[in-house]
Amino acid sequence: AERDEIHRLVCDQGYDQKRQTFTQS
């Protein structure tokens, strides 16, 4: 459950949809 929650959080908040890239923070 922790693993899946972290994965969802990173893909949601660590990814810039407009630029199509993950970001530093």
mmCIF file of all heavy atoms, coordinates in Angstrom:
data_MODEL
# 
_entry.id   MODEL 
# 
loop_
_atom_site.group_PDB 
_atom_site.id 
_atom_site.type_symbol 
_atom_site.label_atom_id 
_atom_site.label_alt_id 
_atom_site.label_comp_id 
_atom_site.label_asym_id 
_atom_site.label_entity_id 
_atom_site.label_seq_id 
_atom_site.pdbx_PDB_ins_code 
_atom_site.Cartn_x 
_atom_site.Cartn_y 
_atom_site.Cartn_z 
_atom_site.occupancy 
_atom_site.B_iso_or_equiv 
_atom_site.pdbx_formal_charge 
_atom_site.auth_seq_id 
_atom_site.auth_comp_id 
_atom_site.auth_asym_id 
_atom_site.auth_atom_id 
_atom_site.pdbx_PDB_model_num 
ATOM 1   N N   . ALA A 1 1  ? 0.826  -1.203 0.000   1.00 0.00 ? 1  ALA A N   1 
ATOM 2   C CA  . ALA A 1 1  ? 0.000  0.000  0.000   1.00 0.00 ? 1  ALA A CA  1 
ATOM 3   C C   . ALA A 1 1  ? 0.864  1.260  0.000   1.00 0.00 ? 1  ALA A C   1 
ATOM 4   O O   . ALA A 1 1  ? 0.578  2.229  -0.726  1.00 0.00 ? 1  ALA A O   1 
ATOM 5   C CB  . ALA A 1 1  ? -0.931 -0.004 1.213   1.00 0.00 ? 1  ALA A CB  1 
ATOM 6   N N   . GLU A 1 2  ? 1.917  1.256  0.822   1.00 0.00 ? 2  GLU A N   1 
ATOM 7   C CA  . GLU A 1 2  ? 2.836  2.408  0.842   1.00 0.00 ? 2  GLU A CA  1 
ATOM 8   C C   . GLU A 1 2  ? 3.513  2.576  -0.509  1.00 0.00 ? 2  GLU A C   1 
ATOM 9   O O   . GLU A 1 2  ? 3.633  3.695  -1.029  1.00 0.00 ? 2  GLU A O   1 
ATOM 10  C CB  . GLU A 1 2  ? 3.889  2.226  1.940   1.00 0.00 ? 2  GLU A CB  1 
ATOM 11  C CG  . GLU A 1 2  ? 3.353  2.171  3.348   1.00 0.00 ? 2  GLU A CG  1 
ATOM 12  C CD  . GLU A 1 2  ? 2.900  3.516  3.875   1.00 0.00 ? 2  GLU A CD  1 
ATOM 13  O OE1 . GLU A 1 2  ? 3.221  4.552  3.266   1.00 0.00 ? 2  GLU A OE1 1 
ATOM 14  O OE2 . GLU A 1 2  ? 2.199  3.527  4.916   1.00 0.00 ? 2  GLU A OE2 1 
ATOM 15  N N   . ARG A 1 3  ? 3.972  1.470  -1.083  1.00 0.00 ? 3  ARG A N   1 
ATOM 16  C CA  . ARG A 1 3  ? 4.639  1.514  -2.390  1.00 0.00 ? 3  ARG A CA  1 
ATOM 17  C C   . ARG A 1 3  ? 3.717  2.119  -3.441  1.00 0.00 ? 3  ARG A C   1 
ATOM 18  O O   . ARG A 1 3  ? 4.127  3.006  -4.209  1.00 0.00 ? 3  ARG A O   1 
ATOM 19  C CB  . ARG A 1 3  ? 5.063  0.101  -2.791  1.00 0.00 ? 3  ARG A CB  1 
ATOM 20  C CG  . ARG A 1 3  ? 5.713  0.004  -4.160  1.00 0.00 ? 3  ARG A CG  1 
ATOM 21  C CD  . ARG A 1 3  ? 6.048  -1.444 -4.513  1.00 0.00 ? 3  ARG A CD  1 
ATOM 22  N NE  . ARG A 1 3  ? 4.823  -2.260 -4.657  1.00 0.00 ? 3  ARG A NE  1 
ATOM 23  C CZ  . ARG A 1 3  ? 4.840  -3.547 -4.984  1.00 0.00 ? 3  ARG A CZ  1 
ATOM 24  N NH1 . ARG A 1 3  ? 5.989  -4.172 -5.189  1.00 0.00 ? 3  ARG A NH1 1 
ATOM 25  N NH2 . ARG A 1 3  ? 3.707  -4.214 -5.107  1.00 0.00 ? 3  ARG A NH2 1 
ATOM 26  N N   . ASP A 1 4  ? 2.475  1.674  -3.468  1.00 0.00 ? 4  ASP A N   1 
ATOM 27  C CA  . ASP A 1 4  ? 1.543  2.157  -4.483  1.00 0.00 ? 4  ASP A CA  1 
ATOM 28  C C   . ASP A 1 4  ? 1.180  3.621  -4.267  1.00 0.00 ? 4  ASP A C   1 
ATOM 29  O O   . ASP A 1 4  ? 1.024  4.388  -5.232  1.00 0.00 ? 4  ASP A O   1 
ATOM 30  C CB  . ASP A 1 4  ? 0.280  1.297  -4.474  1.00 0.00 ? 4  ASP A CB  1 
ATOM 31  C CG  . ASP A 1 4  ? 0.545  -0.139 -4.896  1.00 0.00 ? 4  ASP A CG  1 
ATOM 32  O OD1 . ASP A 1 4  ? 1.632  -0.400 -5.465  1.00 0.00 ? 4  ASP A OD1 1 
ATOM 33  O OD2 . ASP A 1 4  ? -0.318 -1.000 -4.644  1.00 0.00 ? 4  ASP A OD2 1 
ATOM 34  N N   . GLU A 1 5  ? 1.068  4.026  -3.004  1.00 0.00 ? 5  GLU A N   1 
ATOM 35  C CA  . GLU A 1 5  ? 0.745  5.424  -2.726  1.00 0.00 ? 5  GLU A CA  1 
ATOM 36  C C   . GLU A 1 5  ? 1.876  6.346  -3.168  1.00 0.00 ? 5  GLU A C   1 
ATOM 37  O O   . GLU A 1 5  ? 1.633  7.420  -3.754  1.00 0.00 ? 5  GLU A O   1 
ATOM 38  C CB  . GLU A 1 5  ? 0.462  5.623  -1.236  1.00 0.00 ? 5  GLU A CB  1 
ATOM 39  C CG  . GLU A 1 5  ? 0.070  7.059  -0.893  1.00 0.00 ? 5  GLU A CG  1 
ATOM 40  C CD  . GLU A 1 5  ? -0.182 7.270  0.592   1.00 0.00 ? 5  GLU A CD  1 
ATOM 41  O OE1 . GLU A 1 5  ? -0.258 6.274  1.343   1.00 0.00 ? 5  GLU A OE1 1 
ATOM 42  O OE2 . GLU A 1 5  ? -0.294 8.449  1.009   1.00 0.00 ? 5  GLU A OE2 1 
ATOM 43  N N   . ILE A 1 6  ? 3.117  5.951  -2.888  1.00 0.00 ? 6  ILE A N   1 
ATOM 44  C CA  . ILE A 1 6  ? 4.261  6.765  -3.307  1.00 0.00 ? 6  ILE A CA  1 
ATOM 45  C C   . ILE A 1 6  ? 4.292  6.872  -4.828  1.00 0.00 ? 6  ILE A C   1 
ATOM 46  O O   . ILE A 1 6  ? 4.524  7.952  -5.388  1.00 0.00 ? 6  ILE A O   1 
ATOM 47  C CB  . ILE A 1 6  ? 5.577  6.173  -2.780  1.00 0.00 ? 6  ILE A CB  1 
ATOM 48  C CG1 . ILE A 1 6  ? 5.620  6.199  -1.256  1.00 0.00 ? 6  ILE A CG1 1 
ATOM 49  C CG2 . ILE A 1 6  ? 6.769  6.944  -3.346  1.00 0.00 ? 6  ILE A CG2 1 
ATOM 50  C CD1 . ILE A 1 6  ? 6.781  5.431  -0.658  1.00 0.00 ? 6  ILE A CD1 1 
ATOM 51  N N   . HIS A 1 7  ? 4.047  5.767  -5.509  1.00 0.00 ? 7  HIS A N   1 
ATOM 52  C CA  . HIS A 1 7  ? 4.087  5.771  -6.976  1.00 0.00 ? 7  HIS A CA  1 
ATOM 53  C C   . HIS A 1 7  ? 3.043  6.742  -7.534  1.00 0.00 ? 7  HIS A C   1 
ATOM 54  O O   . HIS A 1 7  ? 3.337  7.548  -8.438  1.00 0.00 ? 7  HIS A O   1 
ATOM 55  C CB  . HIS A 1 7  ? 3.844  4.353  -7.504  1.00 0.00 ? 7  HIS A CB  1 
ATOM 56  C CG  . HIS A 1 7  ? 4.337  4.145  -8.896  1.00 0.00 ? 7  HIS A CG  1 
ATOM 57  N ND1 . HIS A 1 7  ? 3.642  4.575  -9.999  1.00 0.00 ? 7  HIS A ND1 1 
ATOM 58  C CD2 . HIS A 1 7  ? 5.477  3.563  -9.375  1.00 0.00 ? 7  HIS A CD2 1 
ATOM 59  C CE1 . HIS A 1 7  ? 4.307  4.254  -11.100 1.00 0.00 ? 7  HIS A CE1 1 
ATOM 60  N NE2 . HIS A 1 7  ? 5.429  3.638  -10.742 1.00 0.00 ? 7  HIS A NE2 1 
ATOM 61  N N   . ARG A 1 8  ? 1.833  6.692  -6.995  1.00 0.00 ? 8  ARG A N   1 
ATOM 62  C CA  . ARG A 1 8  ? 0.789  7.595  -7.479  1.00 0.00 ? 8  ARG A CA  1 
ATOM 63  C C   . ARG A 1 8  ? 1.154  9.048  -7.203  1.00 0.00 ? 8  ARG A C   1 
ATOM 64  O O   . ARG A 1 8  ? 0.961  9.930  -8.059  1.00 0.00 ? 8  ARG A O   1 
ATOM 65  C CB  . ARG A 1 8  ? -0.537 7.257  -6.787  1.00 0.00 ? 8  ARG A CB  1 
ATOM 66  C CG  . ARG A 1 8  ? -1.205 5.987  -7.309  1.00 0.00 ? 8  ARG A CG  1 
ATOM 67  C CD  . ARG A 1 8  ? -2.639 5.893  -6.787  1.00 0.00 ? 8  ARG A CD  1 
ATOM 68  N NE  . ARG A 1 8  ? -2.695 5.821  -5.330  1.00 0.00 ? 8  ARG A NE  1 
ATOM 69  C CZ  . ARG A 1 8  ? -2.681 4.683  -4.635  1.00 0.00 ? 8  ARG A CZ  1 
ATOM 70  N NH1 . ARG A 1 8  ? -2.597 3.511  -5.264  1.00 0.00 ? 8  ARG A NH1 1 
ATOM 71  N NH2 . ARG A 1 8  ? -2.751 4.699  -3.316  1.00 0.00 ? 8  ARG A NH2 1 
ATOM 72  N N   . LEU A 1 9  ? 1.698  9.309  -6.019  1.00 0.00 ? 9  LEU A N   1 
ATOM 73  C CA  . LEU A 1 9  ? 2.051  10.680 -5.657  1.00 0.00 ? 9  LEU A CA  1 
ATOM 74  C C   . LEU A 1 9  ? 3.132  11.243 -6.572  1.00 0.00 ? 9  LEU A C   1 
ATOM 75  O O   . LEU A 1 9  ? 3.031  12.387 -7.045  1.00 0.00 ? 9  LEU A O   1 
ATOM 76  C CB  . LEU A 1 9  ? 2.523  10.725 -4.200  1.00 0.00 ? 9  LEU A CB  1 
ATOM 77  C CG  . LEU A 1 9  ? 2.872  12.115 -3.652  1.00 0.00 ? 9  LEU A CG  1 
ATOM 78  C CD1 . LEU A 1 9  ? 1.614  12.956 -3.494  1.00 0.00 ? 9  LEU A CD1 1 
ATOM 79  C CD2 . LEU A 1 9  ? 3.611  11.994 -2.324  1.00 0.00 ? 9  LEU A CD2 1 
ATOM 80  N N   . VAL A 1 10 ? 4.164  10.463 -6.827  1.00 0.00 ? 10 VAL A N   1 
ATOM 81  C CA  . VAL A 1 10 ? 5.255  10.928 -7.689  1.00 0.00 ? 10 VAL A CA  1 
ATOM 82  C C   . VAL A 1 10 ? 4.750  11.189 -9.102  1.00 0.00 ? 10 VAL A C   1 
ATOM 83  O O   . VAL A 1 10 ? 5.082  12.215 -9.715  1.00 0.00 ? 10 VAL A O   1 
ATOM 84  C CB  . VAL A 1 10 ? 6.398  9.889  -7.701  1.00 0.00 ? 10 VAL A CB  1 
ATOM 85  C CG1 . VAL A 1 10 ? 7.422  10.228 -8.788  1.00 0.00 ? 10 VAL A CG1 1 
ATOM 86  C CG2 . VAL A 1 10 ? 7.095  9.834  -6.351  1.00 0.00 ? 10 VAL A CG2 1 
ATOM 87  N N   . CYS A 1 11 ? 3.950  10.281 -9.629  1.00 0.00 ? 11 CYS A N   1 
ATOM 88  C CA  . CYS A 1 11 ? 3.452  10.455 -10.997 1.00 0.00 ? 11 CYS A CA  1 
ATOM 89  C C   . CYS A 1 11 ? 2.489  11.632 -11.105 1.00 0.00 ? 11 CYS A C   1 
ATOM 90  O O   . CYS A 1 11 ? 2.362  12.249 -12.172 1.00 0.00 ? 11 CYS A O   1 
ATOM 91  C CB  . CYS A 1 11 ? 2.766  9.177  -11.471 1.00 0.00 ? 11 CYS A CB  1 
ATOM 92  S SG  . CYS A 1 11 ? 3.917  7.805  -11.718 1.00 0.00 ? 11 CYS A SG  1 
ATOM 93  N N   . ASP A 1 12 ? 1.835  11.972 -9.997  1.00 0.00 ? 12 ASP A N   1 
ATOM 94  C CA  . ASP A 1 12 ? 0.891  13.091 -9.999  1.00 0.00 ? 12 ASP A CA  1 
ATOM 95  C C   . ASP A 1 12 ? 1.585  14.421 -9.756  1.00 0.00 ? 12 ASP A C   1 
ATOM 96  O O   . ASP A 1 12 ? 1.366  15.399 -10.497 1.00 0.00 ? 12 ASP A O   1 
ATOM 97  C CB  . ASP A 1 12 ? -0.180 12.851 -8.929  1.00 0.00 ? 12 ASP A CB  1 
ATOM 98  C CG  . ASP A 1 12 ? -1.194 13.986 -8.863  1.00 0.00 ? 12 ASP A CG  1 
ATOM 99  O OD1 . ASP A 1 12 ? -1.694 14.389 -9.930  1.00 0.00 ? 12 ASP A OD1 1 
ATOM 100 O OD2 . ASP A 1 12 ? -1.469 14.470 -7.746  1.00 0.00 ? 12 ASP A OD2 1 
ATOM 101 N N   . GLN A 1 13 ? 2.445  14.489 -8.729  1.00 0.00 ? 13 GLN A N   1 
ATOM 102 C CA  . GLN A 1 13 ? 3.012  15.777 -8.325  1.00 0.00 ? 13 GLN A CA  1 
ATOM 103 C C   . GLN A 1 13 ? 4.449  15.996 -8.796  1.00 0.00 ? 13 GLN A C   1 
ATOM 104 O O   . GLN A 1 13 ? 4.929  17.128 -8.785  1.00 0.00 ? 13 GLN A O   1 
ATOM 105 C CB  . GLN A 1 13 ? 2.944  15.914 -6.800  1.00 0.00 ? 13 GLN A CB  1 
ATOM 106 C CG  . GLN A 1 13 ? 1.518  15.895 -6.265  1.00 0.00 ? 13 GLN A CG  1 
ATOM 107 C CD  . GLN A 1 13 ? 1.443  16.283 -4.805  1.00 0.00 ? 13 GLN A CD  1 
ATOM 108 O OE1 . GLN A 1 13 ? 2.258  17.076 -4.314  1.00 0.00 ? 13 GLN A OE1 1 
ATOM 109 N NE2 . GLN A 1 13 ? 0.486  15.720 -4.082  1.00 0.00 ? 13 GLN A NE2 1 
ATOM 110 N N   . GLY A 1 14 ? 5.133  14.935 -9.183  1.00 0.00 ? 14 GLY A N   1 
ATOM 111 C CA  . GLY A 1 14 ? 6.511  15.082 -9.642  1.00 0.00 ? 14 GLY A CA  1 
ATOM 112 C C   . GLY A 1 14 ? 6.650  15.159 -11.142 1.00 0.00 ? 14 GLY A C   1 
ATOM 113 O O   . GLY A 1 14 ? 7.766  15.272 -11.657 1.00 0.00 ? 14 GLY A O   1 
ATOM 114 N N   . TYR A 1 15 ? 5.507  15.127 -11.843 1.00 0.00 ? 15 TYR A N   1 
ATOM 115 C CA  . TYR A 1 15 ? 5.521  15.112 -13.310 1.00 0.00 ? 15 TYR A CA  1 
ATOM 116 C C   . TYR A 1 15 ? 4.840  16.361 -13.855 1.00 0.00 ? 15 TYR A C   1 
ATOM 117 O O   . TYR A 1 15 ? 3.744  16.723 -13.419 1.00 0.00 ? 15 TYR A O   1 
ATOM 118 C CB  . TYR A 1 15 ? 4.819  13.863 -13.835 1.00 0.00 ? 15 TYR A CB  1 
ATOM 119 C CG  . TYR A 1 15 ? 4.890  13.705 -15.343 1.00 0.00 ? 15 TYR A CG  1 
ATOM 120 C CD1 . TYR A 1 15 ? 6.084  13.324 -15.957 1.00 0.00 ? 15 TYR A CD1 1 
ATOM 121 C CD2 . TYR A 1 15 ? 3.772  13.942 -16.140 1.00 0.00 ? 15 TYR A CD2 1 
ATOM 122 C CE1 . TYR A 1 15 ? 6.157  13.189 -17.337 1.00 0.00 ? 15 TYR A CE1 1 
ATOM 123 C CE2 . TYR A 1 15 ? 3.838  13.800 -17.513 1.00 0.00 ? 15 TYR A CE2 1 
ATOM 124 C CZ  . TYR A 1 15 ? 5.033  13.432 -18.107 1.00 0.00 ? 15 TYR A CZ  1 
ATOM 125 O OH  . TYR A 1 15 ? 5.104  13.299 -19.483 1.00 0.00 ? 15 TYR A OH  1 
ATOM 126 N N   . ASP A 1 16 ? 5.510  17.011 -14.786 1.00 0.00 ? 16 ASP A N   1 
ATOM 127 C CA  . ASP A 1 16 ? 4.981  18.207 -15.436 1.00 0.00 ? 16 ASP A CA  1 
ATOM 128 C C   . ASP A 1 16 ? 4.305  17.784 -16.739 1.00 0.00 ? 16 ASP A C   1 
ATOM 129 O O   . ASP A 1 16 ? 4.981  17.482 -17.726 1.00 0.00 ? 16 ASP A O   1 
ATOM 130 C CB  . ASP A 1 16 ? 6.132  19.183 -15.714 1.00 0.00 ? 16 ASP A CB  1 
ATOM 131 C CG  . ASP A 1 16 ? 5.664  20.525 -16.262 1.00 0.00 ? 16 ASP A CG  1 
ATOM 132 O OD1 . ASP A 1 16 ? 4.630  20.553 -16.962 1.00 0.00 ? 16 ASP A OD1 1 
ATOM 133 O OD2 . ASP A 1 16 ? 6.339  21.538 -16.022 1.00 0.00 ? 16 ASP A OD2 1 
ATOM 134 N N   . GLN A 1 17 ? 2.972  17.754 -16.728 1.00 0.00 ? 17 GLN A N   1 
ATOM 135 C CA  . GLN A 1 17 ? 2.222  17.293 -17.891 1.00 0.00 ? 17 GLN A CA  1 
ATOM 136 C C   . GLN A 1 17 ? 2.486  18.169 -19.109 1.00 0.00 ? 17 GLN A C   1 
ATOM 137 O O   . GLN A 1 17 ? 2.604  17.675 -20.243 1.00 0.00 ? 17 GLN A O   1 
ATOM 138 C CB  . GLN A 1 17 ? 0.720  17.285 -17.572 1.00 0.00 ? 17 GLN A CB  1 
ATOM 139 C CG  . GLN A 1 17 ? 0.298  16.229 -16.566 1.00 0.00 ? 17 GLN A CG  1 
ATOM 140 C CD  . GLN A 1 17 ? 0.177  14.856 -17.199 1.00 0.00 ? 17 GLN A CD  1 
ATOM 141 O OE1 . GLN A 1 17 ? 0.373  14.676 -18.404 1.00 0.00 ? 17 GLN A OE1 1 
ATOM 142 N NE2 . GLN A 1 17 ? -0.140 13.863 -16.368 1.00 0.00 ? 17 GLN A NE2 1 
ATOM 143 N N   . LYS A 1 18 ? 2.578  19.465 -18.906 1.00 0.00 ? 18 LYS A N   1 
ATOM 144 C CA  . LYS A 1 18 ? 2.739  20.391 -20.027 1.00 0.00 ? 18 LYS A CA  1 
ATOM 145 C C   . LYS A 1 18 ? 4.076  20.183 -20.728 1.00 0.00 ? 18 LYS A C   1 
ATOM 146 O O   . LYS A 1 18 ? 4.147  20.159 -21.960 1.00 0.00 ? 18 LYS A O   1 
ATOM 147 C CB  . LYS A 1 18 ? 2.625  21.825 -19.526 1.00 0.00 ? 18 LYS A CB  1 
ATOM 148 C CG  . LYS A 1 18 ? 2.695  22.861 -20.635 1.00 0.00 ? 18 LYS A CG  1 
ATOM 149 C CD  . LYS A 1 18 ? 2.489  24.260 -20.078 1.00 0.00 ? 18 LYS A CD  1 
ATOM 150 C CE  . LYS A 1 18 ? 2.550  25.310 -21.193 1.00 0.00 ? 18 LYS A CE  1 
ATOM 151 N NZ  . LYS A 1 18 ? 2.332  26.687 -20.665 1.00 0.00 ? 18 LYS A NZ  1 
ATOM 152 N N   . ARG A 1 19 ? 5.142  20.005 -19.936 1.00 0.00 ? 19 ARG A N   1 
ATOM 153 C CA  . ARG A 1 19 ? 6.484  19.838 -20.521 1.00 0.00 ? 19 ARG A CA  1 
ATOM 154 C C   . ARG A 1 19 ? 6.833  18.385 -20.761 1.00 0.00 ? 19 ARG A C   1 
ATOM 155 O O   . ARG A 1 19 ? 7.865  18.076 -21.321 1.00 0.00 ? 19 ARG A O   1 
ATOM 156 C CB  . ARG A 1 19 ? 7.526  20.491 -19.606 1.00 0.00 ? 19 ARG A CB  1 
ATOM 157 C CG  . ARG A 1 19 ? 7.367  22.002 -19.515 1.00 0.00 ? 19 ARG A CG  1 
ATOM 158 C CD  . ARG A 1 19 ? 8.147  22.562 -18.340 1.00 0.00 ? 19 ARG A CD  1 
ATOM 159 N NE  . ARG A 1 19 ? 9.568  22.320 -18.459 1.00 0.00 ? 19 ARG A NE  1 
ATOM 160 C CZ  . ARG A 1 19 ? 10.402 22.161 -17.441 1.00 0.00 ? 19 ARG A CZ  1 
ATOM 161 N NH1 . ARG A 1 19 ? 9.930  22.209 -16.200 1.00 0.00 ? 19 ARG A NH1 1 
ATOM 162 N NH2 . ARG A 1 19 ? 11.671 21.947 -17.640 1.00 0.00 ? 19 ARG A NH2 1 
ATOM 163 N N   . GLN A 1 20 ? 5.987  17.477 -20.252 1.00 0.00 ? 20 GLN A N   1 
ATOM 164 C CA  . GLN A 1 20 ? 6.177  16.036 -20.424 1.00 0.00 ? 20 GLN A CA  1 
ATOM 165 C C   . GLN A 1 20 ? 7.519  15.572 -19.848 1.00 0.00 ? 20 GLN A C   1 
ATOM 166 O O   . GLN A 1 20 ? 8.307  14.897 -20.508 1.00 0.00 ? 20 GLN A O   1 
ATOM 167 C CB  . GLN A 1 20 ? 6.051  15.640 -21.903 1.00 0.00 ? 20 GLN A CB  1 
ATOM 168 C CG  . GLN A 1 20 ? 4.663  15.907 -22.478 1.00 0.00 ? 20 GLN A CG  1 
ATOM 169 C CD  . GLN A 1 20 ? 4.499  15.380 -23.884 1.00 0.00 ? 20 GLN A CD  1 
ATOM 170 O OE1 . GLN A 1 20 ? 5.467  15.287 -24.645 1.00 0.00 ? 20 GLN A OE1 1 
ATOM 171 N NE2 . GLN A 1 20 ? 3.269  15.024 -24.240 1.00 0.00 ? 20 GLN A NE2 1 
ATOM 172 N N   . THR A 1 21 ? 7.740  15.948 -18.592 1.00 0.00 ? 21 THR A N   1 
ATOM 173 C CA  . THR A 1 21 ? 8.966  15.540 -17.910 1.00 0.00 ? 21 THR A CA  1 
ATOM 174 C C   . THR A 1 21 ? 8.744  15.524 -16.407 1.00 0.00 ? 21 THR A C   1 
ATOM 175 O O   . THR A 1 21 ? 7.949  16.306 -15.876 1.00 0.00 ? 21 THR A O   1 
ATOM 176 C CB  . THR A 1 21 ? 10.132 16.494 -18.234 1.00 0.00 ? 21 THR A CB  1 
ATOM 177 O OG1 . THR A 1 21 ? 11.309 16.046 -17.538 1.00 0.00 ? 21 THR A OG1 1 
ATOM 178 C CG2 . THR A 1 21 ? 9.839  17.925 -17.819 1.00 0.00 ? 21 THR A CG2 1 
ATOM 179 N N   . PHE A 1 22 ? 9.429  14.627 -15.725 1.00 0.00 ? 22 PHE A N   1 
ATOM 180 C CA  . PHE A 1 22 ? 9.511  14.711 -14.276 1.00 0.00 ? 22 PHE A CA  1 
ATOM 181 C C   . PHE A 1 22 ? 10.408 15.896 -13.925 1.00 0.00 ? 22 PHE A C   1 
ATOM 182 O O   . PHE A 1 22 ? 11.257 16.323 -14.721 1.00 0.00 ? 22 PHE A O   1 
ATOM 183 C CB  . PHE A 1 22 ? 10.073 13.413 -13.693 1.00 0.00 ? 22 PHE A CB  1 
ATOM 184 C CG  . PHE A 1 22 ? 9.088  12.281 -13.684 1.00 0.00 ? 22 PHE A CG  1 
ATOM 185 C CD1 . PHE A 1 22 ? 9.057  11.356 -14.717 1.00 0.00 ? 22 PHE A CD1 1 
ATOM 186 C CD2 . PHE A 1 22 ? 8.177  12.141 -12.645 1.00 0.00 ? 22 PHE A CD2 1 
ATOM 187 C CE1 . PHE A 1 22 ? 8.143  10.310 -14.711 1.00 0.00 ? 22 PHE A CE1 1 
ATOM 188 C CE2 . PHE A 1 22 ? 7.258  11.107 -12.625 1.00 0.00 ? 22 PHE A CE2 1 
ATOM 189 C CZ  . PHE A 1 22 ? 7.238  10.193 -13.662 1.00 0.00 ? 22 PHE A CZ  1 
ATOM 190 N N   . THR A 1 23 ? 10.228 16.437 -12.732 1.00 0.00 ? 23 THR A N   1 
ATOM 191 C CA  . THR A 1 23 ? 10.978 17.615 -12.317 1.00 0.00 ? 23 THR A CA  1 
ATOM 192 C C   . THR A 1 23 ? 11.750 17.339 -11.026 1.00 0.00 ? 23 THR A C   1 
ATOM 193 O O   . THR A 1 23 ? 11.524 16.343 -10.348 1.00 0.00 ? 23 THR A O   1 
ATOM 194 C CB  . THR A 1 23 ? 10.038 18.817 -12.101 1.00 0.00 ? 23 THR A CB  1 
ATOM 195 O OG1 . THR A 1 23 ? 9.060  18.473 -11.110 1.00 0.00 ? 23 THR A OG1 1 
ATOM 196 C CG2 . THR A 1 23 ? 9.358  19.201 -13.403 1.00 0.00 ? 23 THR A CG2 1 
ATOM 197 N N   . GLN A 1 24 ? 12.620 18.266 -10.688 1.00 0.00 ? 24 GLN A N   1 
ATOM 198 C CA  . GLN A 1 24 ? 13.509 18.082 -9.541  1.00 0.00 ? 24 GLN A CA  1 
ATOM 199 C C   . GLN A 1 24 ? 12.737 17.901 -8.246  1.00 0.00 ? 24 GLN A C   1 
ATOM 200 O O   . GLN A 1 24 ? 13.083 17.048 -7.423  1.00 0.00 ? 24 GLN A O   1 
ATOM 201 C CB  . GLN A 1 24 ? 14.447 19.281 -9.417  1.00 0.00 ? 24 GLN A CB  1 
ATOM 202 C CG  . GLN A 1 24 ? 15.466 19.167 -8.303  1.00 0.00 ? 24 GLN A CG  1 
ATOM 203 C CD  . GLN A 1 24 ? 16.367 20.380 -8.213  1.00 0.00 ? 24 GLN A CD  1 
ATOM 204 O OE1 . GLN A 1 24 ? 15.910 21.491 -7.958  1.00 0.00 ? 24 GLN A OE1 1 
ATOM 205 N NE2 . GLN A 1 24 ? 17.658 20.169 -8.442  1.00 0.00 ? 24 GLN A NE2 1 
ATOM 206 N N   . SER A 1 25 ? 11.707 18.706 -8.044  1.00 0.00 ? 25 SER A N   1 
ATOM 207 C CA  . SER A 1 25 ? 10.887 18.594 -6.839  1.00 0.00 ? 25 SER A CA  1 
ATOM 208 C C   . SER A 1 25 ? 9.440  18.903 -7.197  1.00 0.00 ? 25 SER A C   1 
ATOM 209 O O   . SER A 1 25 ? 9.149  19.453 -8.267  1.00 0.00 ? 25 SER A O   1 
ATOM 210 C CB  . SER A 1 25 ? 11.392 19.544 -5.745  1.00 0.00 ? 25 SER A CB  1 
ATOM 211 O OG  . SER A 1 25 ? 11.352 20.891 -6.174  1.00 0.00 ? 25 SER A OG  1 
# 
